[in-house]
């Protein structure tokens, strides 16, 4: 999963979530510090996420992306308990998407060794890629 496609996926999911009032990319929201990410408003509260990618093994961005599906779909009940509202929102949003590429989800703030202020979610994909969705404050 490449960051451009992840950003488009999450943008579409958030636009179709009835709890979300507005959603846009960080760039469209005027935040050019990060190449990929989203800004959204939910329940009167703004949430911002930066998306950082760790490419699949051997990925070359000069070549078309190879999509790899997991052997079985990710079970939304496997989203770890706990976490901040922002982390829970994005973790559950992506987990409920039905994406056959998603393999696992880790919520950072609920890890025992997590540093203060280091909040977000790691999404693991069947092609070995990872997307880090960092909460931006």
Protein backbone atom coordinates (compact mmCIF):
# COMPACT_ATOMS: atom_id res chain seq x y z
CA UNK A 1 0.00 0.00 0.00
CA UNK A 2 1.55 3.24 -1.11
CA UNK A 3 0.86 6.50 0.77
CA UNK A 4 -1.02 8.16 -2.11
CA UNK A 5 -3.46 5.27 -2.34
CA UNK A 6 -3.83 5.06 1.45
CA UNK A 7 -4.60 8.79 1.63
CA UNK A 8 -7.25 8.41 -1.11
CA UNK A 9 -8.75 5.36 0.64
CA UNK A 10 -9.02 7.04 4.04
CA UNK A 11 -10.32 10.28 2.49
CA UNK A 12 -13.10 8.32 0.79
CA UNK A 13 -13.90 6.32 3.94
CA UNK A 14 -14.08 9.49 6.06
CA UNK A 15 -16.26 11.30 3.50
CA UNK A 16 -18.74 8.43 3.73
CA UNK A 17 -18.72 8.24 7.53
CA UNK A 18 -21.85 9.96 8.90
CA UNK A 19 -19.95 11.10 12.01
CA UNK A 20 -17.52 13.17 9.94
CA UNK A 21 -18.54 16.73 9.11
CA UNK A 22 -15.71 17.81 6.81
CA UNK A 23 -12.59 16.08 5.57
CA UNK A 24 -9.77 17.11 3.29
CA UNK A 25 -6.13 16.31 2.66
CA UNK A 26 -3.62 18.22 4.78
CA UNK A 27 -2.40 19.97 1.63
CA UNK A 28 -5.92 21.17 0.80
CA UNK A 29 -6.26 22.32 4.42
CA UNK A 30 -3.20 24.53 3.92
CA UNK A 31 -0.75 22.32 5.82
CA UNK A 32 2.20 21.68 3.53
CA UNK A 33 4.54 20.31 6.21
CA UNK A 34 3.64 16.74 5.29
CA UNK A 35 3.19 15.19 1.83
CA UNK A 36 0.31 12.92 2.88
CA UNK A 37 -2.39 13.17 5.52
CA UNK A 38 -5.92 14.23 6.39
CA UNK A 39 -7.67 16.95 8.33
CA UNK A 40 -11.22 16.26 9.46
CA UNK A 41 -13.91 17.52 11.77
CA UNK A 42 -15.96 15.11 13.83
CA UNK A 43 -18.31 15.97 16.67
CA UNK A 44 -17.07 19.57 16.59
CA UNK A 45 -13.46 18.46 17.05
CA UNK A 46 -10.64 18.72 14.54
CA UNK A 47 -8.37 15.73 13.93
CA UNK A 48 -5.25 15.71 11.80
CA UNK A 49 -3.16 12.76 10.68
CA UNK A 50 0.17 12.55 8.87
CA UNK A 51 0.66 9.41 6.76
CA UNK A 52 4.19 8.01 6.54
CA UNK A 53 4.89 4.91 4.48
CA UNK A 54 7.33 2.08 4.77
CA UNK A 55 7.28 0.49 1.33
CA UNK A 56 6.86 -3.19 0.73
CA UNK A 57 10.07 -5.18 0.34
CA UNK A 58 11.57 -4.45 -3.09
CA UNK A 59 9.01 -1.78 -4.05
CA UNK A 60 10.11 0.59 -6.79
CA UNK A 61 8.01 3.72 -7.13
CA UNK A 62 9.01 3.91 -10.81
CA UNK A 63 6.96 0.75 -11.41
CA UNK A 64 3.19 0.21 -11.05
CA UNK A 65 2.11 -0.82 -7.57
CA UNK A 66 1.55 -4.54 -7.02
CA UNK A 67 -1.48 -5.09 -4.82
CA UNK A 68 -1.31 -8.12 -2.53
CA UNK A 69 -4.31 -9.44 -0.62
CA UNK A 70 -4.21 -11.15 2.76
CA UNK A 71 -5.31 -14.76 2.98
CA UNK A 72 -8.33 -13.66 5.01
CA UNK A 73 -9.86 -10.25 5.66
CA UNK A 74 -8.85 -8.37 8.79
CA UNK A 75 -11.39 -8.83 11.56
CA UNK A 76 -12.46 -5.44 12.95
CA UNK A 77 -12.74 -7.09 16.38
CA UNK A 78 -8.95 -7.44 16.29
CA UNK A 79 -8.41 -3.67 16.60
CA UNK A 80 -6.59 -3.31 19.93
CA UNK A 81 -8.49 -1.87 22.88
CA UNK A 82 -7.63 1.52 24.29
CA UNK A 83 -6.01 4.44 22.61
CA UNK A 84 -6.93 8.07 22.11
CA UNK A 85 -10.16 9.02 20.31
CA UNK A 86 -8.17 10.01 17.20
CA UNK A 87 -6.34 6.70 17.15
CA UNK A 88 -9.50 4.67 17.69
CA UNK A 89 -11.32 6.59 14.97
CA UNK A 90 -8.77 5.99 12.22
CA UNK A 91 -7.97 2.42 13.32
CA UNK A 92 -11.64 1.40 13.25
CA UNK A 93 -12.37 3.38 10.06
CA UNK A 94 -9.70 1.50 8.11
CA UNK A 95 -10.42 -1.84 9.81
CA UNK A 96 -14.11 -1.59 8.84
CA UNK A 97 -13.24 -0.78 5.22
CA UNK A 98 -13.14 -4.43 4.20
CA UNK A 99 -9.75 -3.94 2.54
CA UNK A 100 -8.32 -7.35 1.69
CA UNK A 101 -4.83 -5.84 1.92
CA UNK A 102 -4.94 -5.03 5.66
CA UNK A 103 -3.12 -7.51 7.89
CA UNK A 104 -2.86 -5.89 11.32
CA UNK A 105 -3.37 -2.68 13.30
CA UNK A 106 -1.35 -1.33 16.24
CA UNK A 107 -2.46 1.65 18.34
CA UNK A 108 0.60 3.47 19.65
CA UNK A 109 -0.62 5.12 22.85
CA UNK A 110 -1.77 1.83 24.33
CA UNK A 111 1.72 0.29 24.06
CA UNK A 112 3.48 0.13 27.44
CA UNK A 113 6.71 1.65 26.04
CA UNK A 114 5.08 4.50 24.09
CA UNK A 115 6.52 8.00 24.56
CA UNK A 116 4.21 10.82 25.64
CA UNK A 117 2.81 12.68 22.64
CA UNK A 118 3.76 9.91 20.19
CA UNK A 119 0.24 9.01 19.15
CA UNK A 120 -1.01 7.24 16.07
CA UNK A 121 -1.69 3.91 14.42
CA UNK A 122 0.43 1.52 12.38
CA UNK A 123 -1.35 -0.34 9.60
CA UNK A 124 0.39 -3.51 8.39
CA UNK A 125 -0.43 -4.75 4.88
CA UNK A 126 -0.21 -8.13 3.19
CA UNK A 127 2.52 -6.88 0.83
CA UNK A 128 4.75 -6.10 3.90
CA UNK A 129 4.19 -2.34 3.55
CA UNK A 130 3.30 -0.27 6.59
CA UNK A 131 1.50 3.01 6.93
CA UNK A 132 2.09 5.06 10.05
CA UNK A 133 -0.86 7.39 10.71
CA UNK A 134 0.59 9.89 13.20
CA UNK A 135 -1.75 12.19 15.13
CA UNK A 136 -0.73 15.78 14.36
CA UNK A 137 -1.30 18.41 17.02
